[in-house]
Amino acid sequence: MKNIPNELEGIETALADIYYGNFSVFQSLPDSWAIGHLFPILPIHRLNEAPTRNVILADITCDCDGKIDKFIDQHAVKDTLALHEINDTEEYYLGVFLVGAYQETLGDLHNLLGDTNIVSVQITEDGDYELIKEIEGDSVEEILSYVEYDVKTMISDFRELAENAIRNKRITPKERQKIMKAFRSGLQGYSYYER
């Protein structure tokens, strides 16, 4: 519909789904929120299926301000992004393109989420693609060290808490073992959500 009645302006945005992404707008795309810069965003799989949902993207930051609600379209800027329906049984991946070192530098360490995993892709002459470089994002342990926390001390302090819990019969030695393993694993894990 070319001429939308005034009463219906904004209806597409009001009815849009909100897809929460495992990222921080402030960390990874600071120019998106700071100056309204538009980055190409699109799914990188399920390309043989037509998108059926109109979506606004939101991030996982604690302040709930990280959202993207302006998108590059073929001929205009849209308030929603056409994406596929998602479900709990499979991952859904989007690519944000033309992001580089400048955004990385501006993003710094907002919300202590750290650097995301990065992949540089090049299209070959025959139309295929080639992964040029893959860089792993920060672990929780790395983020904590950036802000001067000593991980060895944290593990020691946590172990002492667990030992006190055993002495006070709140947990068993076997539970302490599982808790300590989970704590260490969490420190070594990616600073963004992992399933």
N, C-alpha and C. Protein backbone atom coordinates (compact mmCIF):
# COMPACT_ATOMS: atom_id res chain seq x y z
N MET A 1 0.85 -1.16 0.00
CA MET A 1 0.00 0.00 0.00
C MET A 1 0.90 1.23 0.00
N LYS A 2 0.77 2.07 -1.03
CA LYS A 2 1.64 3.25 -1.14
C LYS A 2 1.23 4.35 -0.18
N ASN A 3 -0.04 4.69 -0.15
CA ASN A 3 -0.52 5.77 0.71
C ASN A 3 -1.19 5.16 1.94
N ILE A 4 -0.47 5.15 3.02
CA ILE A 4 -0.99 4.57 4.26
C ILE A 4 -1.80 5.62 4.99
N PRO A 5 -3.04 5.29 5.40
CA PRO A 5 -3.83 6.26 6.17
C PRO A 5 -3.11 6.64 7.47
N ASN A 6 -3.28 7.88 7.89
CA ASN A 6 -2.62 8.37 9.10
C ASN A 6 -2.86 7.47 10.31
N GLU A 7 -4.08 6.92 10.40
CA GLU A 7 -4.42 6.07 11.54
C GLU A 7 -3.56 4.80 11.60
N LEU A 8 -3.06 4.38 10.45
CA LEU A 8 -2.30 3.12 10.40
C LEU A 8 -0.79 3.32 10.36
N GLU A 9 -0.33 4.57 10.37
CA GLU A 9 1.11 4.80 10.38
C GLU A 9 1.72 4.20 11.64
N GLY A 10 2.79 3.49 11.47
CA GLY A 10 3.47 2.87 12.60
C GLY A 10 2.92 1.51 12.99
N ILE A 11 1.88 1.03 12.30
CA ILE A 11 1.28 -0.25 12.68
C ILE A 11 2.25 -1.41 12.49
N GLU A 12 3.04 -1.36 11.41
CA GLU A 12 3.99 -2.45 11.16
C GLU A 12 4.99 -2.56 12.31
N THR A 13 5.47 -1.44 12.79
CA THR A 13 6.42 -1.44 13.91
C THR A 13 5.75 -1.90 15.20
N ALA A 14 4.53 -1.43 15.44
CA ALA A 14 3.82 -1.79 16.66
C ALA A 14 3.53 -3.29 16.72
N LEU A 15 3.33 -3.92 15.57
CA LEU A 15 3.02 -5.34 15.52
C LEU A 15 4.25 -6.22 15.30
N ALA A 16 5.41 -5.62 15.20
CA ALA A 16 6.63 -6.37 14.90
C ALA A 16 7.02 -7.29 16.06
N ASP A 17 7.60 -8.42 15.70
CA ASP A 17 8.20 -9.30 16.70
C ASP A 17 9.51 -8.67 17.17
N ILE A 18 9.91 -8.99 18.37
CA ILE A 18 11.22 -8.58 18.86
C ILE A 18 12.06 -9.83 18.96
N TYR A 19 13.14 -9.87 18.21
CA TYR A 19 14.09 -10.98 18.27
C TYR A 19 15.29 -10.51 19.08
N TYR A 20 15.58 -11.23 20.16
CA TYR A 20 16.72 -10.89 21.00
C TYR A 20 17.96 -11.60 20.46
N GLY A 21 18.98 -10.82 20.19
CA GLY A 21 20.22 -11.36 19.65
C GLY A 21 21.29 -11.45 20.71
N ASN A 22 22.17 -12.39 20.53
CA ASN A 22 23.27 -12.63 21.46
C ASN A 22 24.42 -11.67 21.16
N PHE A 23 24.17 -10.38 21.41
CA PHE A 23 25.16 -9.34 21.14
C PHE A 23 24.78 -8.10 21.92
N SER A 24 25.63 -7.09 21.86
CA SER A 24 25.35 -5.79 22.45
C SER A 24 25.47 -4.74 21.35
N VAL A 25 24.40 -4.00 21.11
CA VAL A 25 24.44 -2.93 20.12
C VAL A 25 25.54 -1.94 20.49
N PHE A 26 25.63 -1.61 21.77
CA PHE A 26 26.60 -0.61 22.23
C PHE A 26 28.03 -1.09 22.03
N GLN A 27 28.25 -2.39 22.17
CA GLN A 27 29.59 -2.96 22.03
C GLN A 27 29.95 -3.17 20.56
N SER A 28 29.05 -3.77 19.79
CA SER A 28 29.40 -4.21 18.43
C SER A 28 29.04 -3.21 17.34
N LEU A 29 28.01 -2.41 17.57
CA LEU A 29 27.54 -1.46 16.54
C LEU A 29 27.29 -0.08 17.14
N PRO A 30 28.30 0.52 17.77
CA PRO A 30 28.06 1.79 18.45
C PRO A 30 27.52 2.89 17.55
N ASP A 31 27.93 2.92 16.29
CA ASP A 31 27.41 3.96 15.39
C ASP A 31 25.94 3.75 15.05
N SER A 32 25.43 2.56 15.26
CA SER A 32 24.01 2.31 15.02
C SER A 32 23.16 3.12 15.99
N TRP A 33 23.49 3.07 17.28
CA TRP A 33 22.69 3.82 18.25
C TRP A 33 23.16 5.26 18.39
N ALA A 34 24.45 5.53 18.20
CA ALA A 34 24.97 6.88 18.44
C ALA A 34 24.57 7.87 17.35
N ILE A 35 24.69 7.47 16.09
CA ILE A 35 24.40 8.41 14.99
C ILE A 35 23.41 7.86 13.97
N GLY A 36 22.79 6.71 14.29
CA GLY A 36 21.78 6.15 13.39
C GLY A 36 22.35 5.53 12.13
N HIS A 37 23.62 5.15 12.15
CA HIS A 37 24.23 4.51 10.97
C HIS A 37 23.55 3.18 10.70
N LEU A 38 23.30 2.89 9.44
CA LEU A 38 22.64 1.64 9.06
C LEU A 38 23.68 0.65 8.54
N PHE A 39 23.62 -0.55 9.07
CA PHE A 39 24.47 -1.64 8.61
C PHE A 39 23.59 -2.68 7.93
N PRO A 40 24.05 -3.27 6.83
CA PRO A 40 23.28 -4.36 6.22
C PRO A 40 23.19 -5.54 7.20
N ILE A 41 21.97 -5.99 7.44
CA ILE A 41 21.73 -7.13 8.34
C ILE A 41 20.82 -8.11 7.62
N LEU A 42 21.21 -9.37 7.58
CA LEU A 42 20.36 -10.38 6.95
C LEU A 42 20.72 -11.77 7.43
N PRO A 43 19.77 -12.70 7.28
CA PRO A 43 20.06 -14.07 7.68
C PRO A 43 21.16 -14.66 6.80
N ILE A 44 21.94 -15.55 7.38
CA ILE A 44 23.01 -16.18 6.61
C ILE A 44 22.74 -17.68 6.40
N HIS A 45 21.53 -18.10 6.66
CA HIS A 45 21.10 -19.46 6.35
C HIS A 45 19.59 -19.44 6.12
N ARG A 46 19.02 -20.58 5.77
CA ARG A 46 17.60 -20.69 5.41
C ARG A 46 17.26 -19.75 4.25
N LEU A 47 18.23 -19.56 3.37
CA LEU A 47 18.06 -18.61 2.27
C LEU A 47 17.11 -19.13 1.19
N ASN A 48 16.77 -20.40 1.24
CA ASN A 48 15.80 -20.94 0.29
C ASN A 48 14.37 -20.82 0.80
N GLU A 49 14.18 -20.21 1.97
CA GLU A 49 12.85 -20.00 2.55
C GLU A 49 12.53 -18.51 2.57
N ALA A 50 11.29 -18.18 2.29
CA ALA A 50 10.86 -16.78 2.35
C ALA A 50 10.67 -16.37 3.82
N PRO A 51 11.18 -15.21 4.22
CA PRO A 51 10.94 -14.72 5.58
C PRO A 51 9.46 -14.42 5.78
N THR A 52 8.94 -14.70 6.97
CA THR A 52 7.51 -14.51 7.24
C THR A 52 7.24 -13.57 8.41
N ARG A 53 8.27 -13.11 9.09
CA ARG A 53 8.08 -12.26 10.27
C ARG A 53 8.71 -10.89 10.04
N ASN A 54 8.05 -9.85 10.53
CA ASN A 54 8.63 -8.50 10.56
C ASN A 54 9.18 -8.29 11.96
N VAL A 55 10.44 -7.90 12.03
CA VAL A 55 11.17 -7.99 13.29
C VAL A 55 11.92 -6.70 13.60
N ILE A 56 12.02 -6.41 14.89
CA ILE A 56 12.95 -5.43 15.45
C ILE A 56 13.96 -6.25 16.23
N LEU A 57 15.22 -5.87 16.18
CA LEU A 57 16.27 -6.61 16.90
C LEU A 57 16.58 -5.92 18.22
N ALA A 58 16.73 -6.71 19.27
CA ALA A 58 17.13 -6.19 20.58
C ALA A 58 18.30 -7.02 21.07
N ASP A 59 19.11 -6.43 21.94
CA ASP A 59 20.28 -7.17 22.43
C ASP A 59 20.06 -7.69 23.84
N ILE A 60 21.09 -8.32 24.39
CA ILE A 60 20.96 -8.97 25.69
C ILE A 60 21.49 -8.12 26.84
N THR A 61 21.70 -6.83 26.61
CA THR A 61 22.27 -5.99 27.65
C THR A 61 21.26 -5.72 28.75
N CYS A 62 21.76 -5.42 29.94
CA CYS A 62 20.91 -5.28 31.12
C CYS A 62 20.02 -4.05 31.08
N ASP A 63 20.39 -3.02 30.34
CA ASP A 63 19.61 -1.79 30.36
C ASP A 63 18.46 -1.78 29.35
N CYS A 64 18.37 -2.79 28.52
CA CYS A 64 17.29 -2.94 27.54
C CYS A 64 17.21 -1.79 26.53
N ASP A 65 18.25 -1.02 26.39
CA ASP A 65 18.25 0.08 25.42
C ASP A 65 18.81 -0.34 24.07
N GLY A 66 19.46 -1.48 24.01
CA GLY A 66 20.10 -1.90 22.77
C GLY A 66 19.11 -2.50 21.79
N LYS A 67 18.74 -1.71 20.81
CA LYS A 67 17.82 -2.24 19.79
C LYS A 67 18.18 -1.65 18.44
N ILE A 68 17.78 -2.37 17.41
CA ILE A 68 17.93 -1.89 16.05
C ILE A 68 16.54 -1.90 15.43
N ASP A 69 16.08 -0.71 15.04
CA ASP A 69 14.74 -0.60 14.48
C ASP A 69 14.71 0.21 13.19
N LYS A 70 15.85 0.28 12.54
CA LYS A 70 15.95 0.88 11.20
C LYS A 70 16.84 -0.04 10.37
N PHE A 71 16.37 -0.40 9.18
CA PHE A 71 17.07 -1.40 8.39
C PHE A 71 17.16 -0.96 6.93
N ILE A 72 18.27 -1.31 6.31
CA ILE A 72 18.46 -1.03 4.89
C ILE A 72 17.58 -2.00 4.10
N ASP A 73 16.79 -1.45 3.19
CA ASP A 73 15.99 -2.26 2.29
C ASP A 73 16.48 -1.99 0.87
N GLN A 74 15.93 -2.67 -0.08
CA GLN A 74 16.41 -2.52 -1.45
C GLN A 74 16.30 -1.08 -1.95
N HIS A 75 15.22 -0.39 -1.59
CA HIS A 75 15.01 0.97 -2.11
C HIS A 75 14.78 2.02 -1.03
N ALA A 76 14.76 1.62 0.23
CA ALA A 76 14.41 2.57 1.28
C ALA A 76 14.95 2.09 2.62
N VAL A 77 14.64 2.84 3.65
CA VAL A 77 14.93 2.44 5.02
C VAL A 77 13.61 1.95 5.62
N LYS A 78 13.64 0.77 6.24
CA LYS A 78 12.43 0.20 6.84
C LYS A 78 12.55 0.17 8.36
N ASP A 79 11.39 0.14 9.02
CA ASP A 79 11.35 0.08 10.47
C ASP A 79 11.44 -1.34 11.01
N THR A 80 11.29 -2.33 10.15
CA THR A 80 11.39 -3.73 10.56
C THR A 80 12.25 -4.49 9.55
N LEU A 81 12.69 -5.65 9.96
CA LEU A 81 13.50 -6.52 9.11
C LEU A 81 12.73 -7.81 8.88
N ALA A 82 12.60 -8.24 7.65
CA ALA A 82 11.91 -9.49 7.33
C ALA A 82 12.84 -10.66 7.65
N LEU A 83 12.41 -11.50 8.59
CA LEU A 83 13.19 -12.67 9.00
C LEU A 83 12.29 -13.91 9.06
N HIS A 84 12.92 -15.05 9.25
CA HIS A 84 12.20 -16.31 9.35
C HIS A 84 11.67 -16.50 10.77
N GLU A 85 10.63 -17.30 10.88
CA GLU A 85 10.16 -17.67 12.21
C GLU A 85 11.22 -18.54 12.87
N ILE A 86 11.42 -18.32 14.15
CA ILE A 86 12.43 -19.10 14.87
C ILE A 86 11.75 -20.03 15.87
N ASN A 87 12.51 -21.04 16.29
CA ASN A 87 12.00 -21.95 17.31
C ASN A 87 13.13 -22.28 18.28
N ASP A 88 12.78 -22.96 19.35
CA ASP A 88 13.75 -23.25 20.41
C ASP A 88 14.70 -24.39 20.08
N THR A 89 14.46 -25.10 18.99
CA THR A 89 15.26 -26.29 18.72
C THR A 89 16.44 -26.04 17.80
N GLU A 90 16.52 -24.88 17.17
CA GLU A 90 17.64 -24.62 16.28
C GLU A 90 18.13 -23.18 16.42
N GLU A 91 19.40 -23.00 16.16
CA GLU A 91 20.00 -21.67 16.18
C GLU A 91 19.54 -20.90 14.95
N TYR A 92 19.48 -19.58 15.07
CA TYR A 92 19.14 -18.73 13.92
C TYR A 92 20.23 -17.67 13.83
N TYR A 93 20.88 -17.59 12.66
CA TYR A 93 22.05 -16.73 12.52
C TYR A 93 21.78 -15.57 11.58
N LEU A 94 22.22 -14.39 12.02
CA LEU A 94 22.19 -13.19 11.19
C LEU A 94 23.61 -12.72 10.96
N GLY A 95 23.83 -12.11 9.82
CA GLY A 95 25.10 -11.46 9.56
C GLY A 95 24.90 -9.96 9.59
N VAL A 96 25.80 -9.26 10.24
CA VAL A 96 25.83 -7.80 10.21
C VAL A 96 27.08 -7.45 9.42
N PHE A 97 26.89 -6.76 8.32
CA PHE A 97 27.97 -6.57 7.37
C PHE A 97 28.53 -5.14 7.39
N LEU A 98 29.74 -5.01 6.89
CA LEU A 98 30.46 -3.74 6.80
C LEU A 98 30.78 -3.15 8.17
N VAL A 99 31.00 -4.04 9.13
CA VAL A 99 31.43 -3.66 10.47
C VAL A 99 32.93 -3.93 10.52
N GLY A 100 33.69 -3.02 11.05
CA GLY A 100 35.14 -3.22 11.04
C GLY A 100 35.82 -2.70 12.27
N ALA A 101 37.07 -2.41 12.12
CA ALA A 101 37.93 -2.01 13.24
C ALA A 101 37.44 -0.73 13.91
N TYR A 102 36.86 0.18 13.15
CA TYR A 102 36.39 1.44 13.74
C TYR A 102 35.28 1.17 14.75
N GLN A 103 34.30 0.34 14.38
CA GLN A 103 33.22 0.00 15.32
C GLN A 103 33.79 -0.74 16.52
N GLU A 104 34.74 -1.63 16.25
CA GLU A 104 35.38 -2.40 17.31
C GLU A 104 36.06 -1.47 18.32
N THR A 105 36.73 -0.46 17.84
CA THR A 105 37.44 0.49 18.70
C THR A 105 36.45 1.33 19.50
N LEU A 106 35.40 1.80 18.85
CA LEU A 106 34.40 2.62 19.55
C LEU A 106 33.67 1.82 20.63
N GLY A 107 33.41 0.55 20.35
CA GLY A 107 32.62 -0.28 21.25
C GLY A 107 33.27 -0.54 22.59
N ASP A 108 34.59 -0.54 22.62
CA ASP A 108 35.37 -0.74 23.83
C ASP A 108 34.87 -1.96 24.60
N LEU A 109 34.47 -1.82 25.85
CA LEU A 109 34.10 -2.96 26.68
C LEU A 109 32.75 -2.70 27.34
N HIS A 110 31.81 -2.17 26.58
CA HIS A 110 30.51 -1.81 27.12
C HIS A 110 29.79 -3.03 27.69
N ASN A 111 29.20 -2.88 28.86
CA ASN A 111 28.47 -3.94 29.55
C ASN A 111 29.32 -5.17 29.86
N LEU A 112 30.63 -5.04 29.76
CA LEU A 112 31.56 -6.13 30.03
C LEU A 112 31.28 -7.37 29.19
N LEU A 113 30.77 -7.18 27.99
CA LEU A 113 30.50 -8.32 27.12
C LEU A 113 31.69 -8.70 26.26
N GLY A 114 32.61 -7.81 26.04
CA GLY A 114 33.82 -8.17 25.31
C GLY A 114 33.62 -8.29 23.81
N ASP A 115 34.68 -8.78 23.18
CA ASP A 115 34.66 -8.93 21.72
C ASP A 115 33.84 -10.15 21.32
N THR A 116 33.11 -10.00 20.23
CA THR A 116 32.35 -11.12 19.68
C THR A 116 33.26 -11.96 18.79
N ASN A 117 32.81 -13.16 18.48
CA ASN A 117 33.50 -13.95 17.47
C ASN A 117 33.38 -13.21 16.15
N ILE A 118 34.45 -13.22 15.35
CA ILE A 118 34.47 -12.47 14.10
C ILE A 118 34.93 -13.39 12.98
N VAL A 119 34.30 -13.25 11.83
CA VAL A 119 34.75 -13.99 10.65
C VAL A 119 34.79 -13.02 9.48
N SER A 120 35.87 -13.07 8.72
CA SER A 120 35.97 -12.28 7.49
C SER A 120 35.74 -13.22 6.32
N VAL A 121 34.81 -12.84 5.46
CA VAL A 121 34.39 -13.68 4.34
C VAL A 121 34.71 -12.96 3.04
N GLN A 122 35.20 -13.71 2.07
CA GLN A 122 35.48 -13.14 0.75
C GLN A 122 34.75 -13.99 -0.29
N ILE A 123 34.11 -13.32 -1.25
CA ILE A 123 33.45 -14.01 -2.35
C ILE A 123 34.50 -14.30 -3.42
N THR A 124 34.55 -15.54 -3.87
CA THR A 124 35.52 -15.93 -4.89
C THR A 124 35.00 -15.60 -6.28
N GLU A 125 35.87 -15.70 -7.26
CA GLU A 125 35.49 -15.37 -8.64
C GLU A 125 34.37 -16.26 -9.16
N ASP A 126 34.30 -17.50 -8.68
CA ASP A 126 33.25 -18.41 -9.15
C ASP A 126 31.96 -18.28 -8.34
N GLY A 127 31.87 -17.27 -7.48
CA GLY A 127 30.64 -16.99 -6.72
C GLY A 127 30.54 -17.75 -5.41
N ASP A 128 31.51 -18.55 -5.10
CA ASP A 128 31.53 -19.26 -3.83
C ASP A 128 32.08 -18.30 -2.76
N TYR A 129 32.22 -18.77 -1.55
CA TYR A 129 32.81 -17.93 -0.52
C TYR A 129 33.98 -18.65 0.14
N GLU A 130 34.81 -17.85 0.76
CA GLU A 130 35.98 -18.38 1.43
C GLU A 130 36.14 -17.62 2.74
N LEU A 131 36.39 -18.36 3.83
CA LEU A 131 36.63 -17.73 5.13
C LEU A 131 38.08 -17.31 5.19
N ILE A 132 38.29 -16.01 5.25
CA ILE A 132 39.64 -15.46 5.24
C ILE A 132 40.27 -15.51 6.63
N LYS A 133 39.49 -15.15 7.64
CA LYS A 133 40.02 -15.09 9.00
C LYS A 133 38.89 -15.35 9.98
N GLU A 134 39.19 -16.10 11.03
CA GLU A 134 38.25 -16.32 12.12
C GLU A 134 38.95 -15.93 13.42
N ILE A 135 38.27 -15.12 14.22
CA ILE A 135 38.84 -14.68 15.49
C ILE A 135 37.82 -14.98 16.58
N GLU A 136 38.27 -15.69 17.62
CA GLU A 136 37.38 -16.00 18.74
C GLU A 136 37.20 -14.78 19.62
N GLY A 137 35.98 -14.61 20.12
CA GLY A 137 35.69 -13.52 21.03
C GLY A 137 36.27 -13.78 22.42
N ASP A 138 36.06 -12.82 23.31
CA ASP A 138 36.63 -12.89 24.65
C ASP A 138 35.93 -13.93 25.52
N SER A 139 36.70 -14.52 26.42
CA SER A 139 36.14 -15.38 27.45
C SER A 139 35.79 -14.51 28.66
N VAL A 140 34.99 -15.05 29.56
CA VAL A 140 34.65 -14.34 30.79
C VAL A 140 35.93 -14.04 31.57
N GLU A 141 36.83 -15.00 31.62
CA GLU A 141 38.11 -14.81 32.33
C GLU A 141 38.89 -13.63 31.75
N GLU A 142 38.93 -13.51 30.44
CA GLU A 142 39.64 -12.39 29.81
C GLU A 142 38.99 -11.05 30.17
N ILE A 143 37.67 -11.00 30.14
CA ILE A 143 36.95 -9.77 30.48
C ILE A 143 37.26 -9.36 31.91
N LEU A 144 37.20 -10.32 32.82
CA LEU A 144 37.50 -10.01 34.22
C LEU A 144 38.92 -9.50 34.40
N SER A 145 39.86 -10.06 33.67
CA SER A 145 41.25 -9.59 33.79
C SER A 145 41.40 -8.17 33.25
N TYR A 146 40.60 -7.80 32.23
CA TYR A 146 40.66 -6.43 31.69
C TYR A 146 40.30 -5.40 32.75
N VAL A 147 39.41 -5.79 33.67
CA VAL A 147 38.97 -4.84 34.71
C VAL A 147 39.61 -5.17 36.06
N GLU A 148 40.80 -5.79 35.99
CA GLU A 148 41.68 -5.99 37.14
C GLU A 148 41.17 -6.98 38.19
N TYR A 149 40.35 -7.94 37.79
CA TYR A 149 39.97 -9.01 38.71
C TYR A 149 40.95 -10.16 38.52
N ASP A 150 41.40 -10.74 39.62
CA ASP A 150 42.31 -11.87 39.57
C ASP A 150 41.48 -13.15 39.63
N VAL A 151 41.46 -13.88 38.54
CA VAL A 151 40.61 -15.07 38.42
C VAL A 151 41.05 -16.15 39.41
N LYS A 152 42.35 -16.30 39.65
CA LYS A 152 42.82 -17.31 40.61
C LYS A 152 42.27 -17.01 42.01
N THR A 153 42.26 -15.74 42.38
CA THR A 153 41.71 -15.34 43.67
C THR A 153 40.21 -15.61 43.71
N MET A 154 39.53 -15.32 42.62
CA MET A 154 38.08 -15.57 42.57
C MET A 154 37.78 -17.06 42.75
N ILE A 155 38.56 -17.91 42.09
CA ILE A 155 38.35 -19.36 42.21
C ILE A 155 38.62 -19.80 43.65
N SER A 156 39.68 -19.29 44.24
CA SER A 156 40.02 -19.63 45.62
C SER A 156 38.91 -19.19 46.58
N ASP A 157 38.42 -17.96 46.41
CA ASP A 157 37.34 -17.45 47.26
C ASP A 157 36.07 -18.27 47.08
N PHE A 158 35.78 -18.64 45.85
CA PHE A 158 34.57 -19.42 45.57
C PHE A 158 34.70 -20.82 46.18
N ARG A 159 35.90 -21.40 46.08
CA ARG A 159 36.14 -22.71 46.68
C ARG A 159 35.91 -22.65 48.18
N GLU A 160 36.37 -21.57 48.82
CA GLU A 160 36.17 -21.41 50.26
C GLU A 160 34.68 -21.33 50.60
N LEU A 161 33.92 -20.60 49.80
CA LEU A 161 32.46 -20.55 50.00
C LEU A 161 31.85 -21.95 49.90
N ALA A 162 32.30 -22.70 48.91
CA ALA A 162 31.77 -24.06 48.72
C ALA A 162 32.15 -24.96 49.89
N GLU A 163 33.38 -24.82 50.39
CA GLU A 163 33.81 -25.62 51.54
C GLU A 163 32.99 -25.27 52.78
N ASN A 164 32.70 -23.99 52.97
CA ASN A 164 31.84 -23.58 54.09
C ASN A 164 30.45 -24.18 53.95
N ALA A 165 29.96 -24.23 52.73
CA ALA A 165 28.63 -24.81 52.49
C ALA A 165 28.63 -26.30 52.84
N ILE A 166 29.73 -27.00 52.57
CA ILE A 166 29.83 -28.42 52.96
C ILE A 166 29.84 -28.53 54.48
N ARG A 167 30.67 -27.70 55.15
CA ARG A 167 30.75 -27.75 56.62
C ARG A 167 29.39 -27.46 57.26
N ASN A 168 28.60 -26.60 56.63
CA ASN A 168 27.28 -26.26 57.16
C ASN A 168 26.18 -27.16 56.62
N LYS A 169 26.59 -28.22 55.92
CA LYS A 169 25.68 -29.24 55.40
C LYS A 169 24.61 -28.68 54.45
N ARG A 170 24.98 -27.63 53.70
CA ARG A 170 24.07 -27.09 52.68
C ARG A 170 24.27 -27.77 51.34
N ILE A 171 25.47 -28.31 51.12
CA ILE A 171 25.75 -29.08 49.91
C ILE A 171 26.63 -30.28 50.28
N THR A 172 26.67 -31.25 49.37
CA THR A 172 27.52 -32.43 49.58
C THR A 172 28.86 -32.20 48.87
N PRO A 173 29.87 -33.01 49.22
CA PRO A 173 31.14 -32.89 48.49
C PRO A 173 30.98 -33.11 46.98
N LYS A 174 30.10 -34.01 46.60
CA LYS A 174 29.87 -34.25 45.17
C LYS A 174 29.25 -33.01 44.51
N GLU A 175 28.32 -32.36 45.21
CA GLU A 175 27.72 -31.12 44.67
C GLU A 175 28.77 -30.02 44.56
N ARG A 176 29.65 -29.94 45.56
CA ARG A 176 30.73 -28.95 45.51
C ARG A 176 31.59 -29.16 44.27
N GLN A 177 31.88 -30.41 43.98
CA GLN A 177 32.69 -30.73 42.81
C GLN A 177 32.00 -30.24 41.53
N LYS A 178 30.70 -30.49 41.41
CA LYS A 178 29.94 -30.04 40.23
C LYS A 178 29.89 -28.52 40.15
N ILE A 179 29.69 -27.88 41.30
CA ILE A 179 29.61 -26.42 41.35
C ILE A 179 30.94 -25.80 40.93
N MET A 180 32.04 -26.33 41.44
CA MET A 180 33.36 -25.80 41.09
C MET A 180 33.66 -26.00 39.61
N LYS A 181 33.28 -27.15 39.09
CA LYS A 181 33.48 -27.42 37.66
C LYS A 181 32.69 -26.42 36.81
N ALA A 182 31.43 -26.17 37.20
CA ALA A 182 30.59 -25.21 36.47
C ALA A 182 31.17 -23.79 36.56
N PHE A 183 31.68 -23.43 37.73
CA PHE A 183 32.27 -22.10 37.92
C PHE A 183 33.48 -21.91 37.01
N ARG A 184 34.39 -22.89 37.01
CA ARG A 184 35.58 -22.81 36.14
C ARG A 184 35.18 -22.78 34.67
N SER A 185 34.22 -23.61 34.32
CA SER A 185 33.76 -23.66 32.92
C SER A 185 33.16 -22.32 32.51
N GLY A 186 32.41 -21.70 33.41
CA GLY A 186 31.83 -20.39 33.12
C GLY A 186 32.90 -19.33 32.90
N LEU A 187 33.95 -19.38 33.68
CA LEU A 187 35.04 -18.42 33.52
C LEU A 187 35.76 -18.59 32.18
N GLN A 188 35.88 -19.82 31.74
CA GLN A 188 36.59 -20.10 30.48
C GLN A 188 35.69 -19.92 29.27
N GLY A 189 34.37 -19.82 29.49
CA GLY A 189 33.42 -19.72 28.39
C GLY A 189 33.38 -18.34 27.75
N TYR A 190 32.66 -18.29 26.66
CA TYR A 190 32.45 -17.07 25.87
C TYR A 190 31.71 -16.05 26.72
N SER A 191 32.01 -14.77 26.54
CA SER A 191 31.38 -13.73 27.37
C SER A 191 29.94 -13.44 26.95
N TYR A 192 29.48 -14.01 25.84
CA TYR A 192 28.08 -13.90 25.43
C TYR A 192 27.38 -15.20 25.77
N TYR A 193 26.07 -15.20 25.66
CA TYR A 193 25.27 -16.37 26.02
C TYR A 193 25.69 -17.60 25.21
N GLU A 194 25.82 -18.73 25.91
CA GLU A 194 26.10 -20.02 25.27
C GLU A 194 25.02 -21.00 25.72
N ARG A 195 24.57 -21.83 24.79
CA ARG A 195 23.59 -22.87 25.17
C ARG A 195 24.28 -23.98 25.89
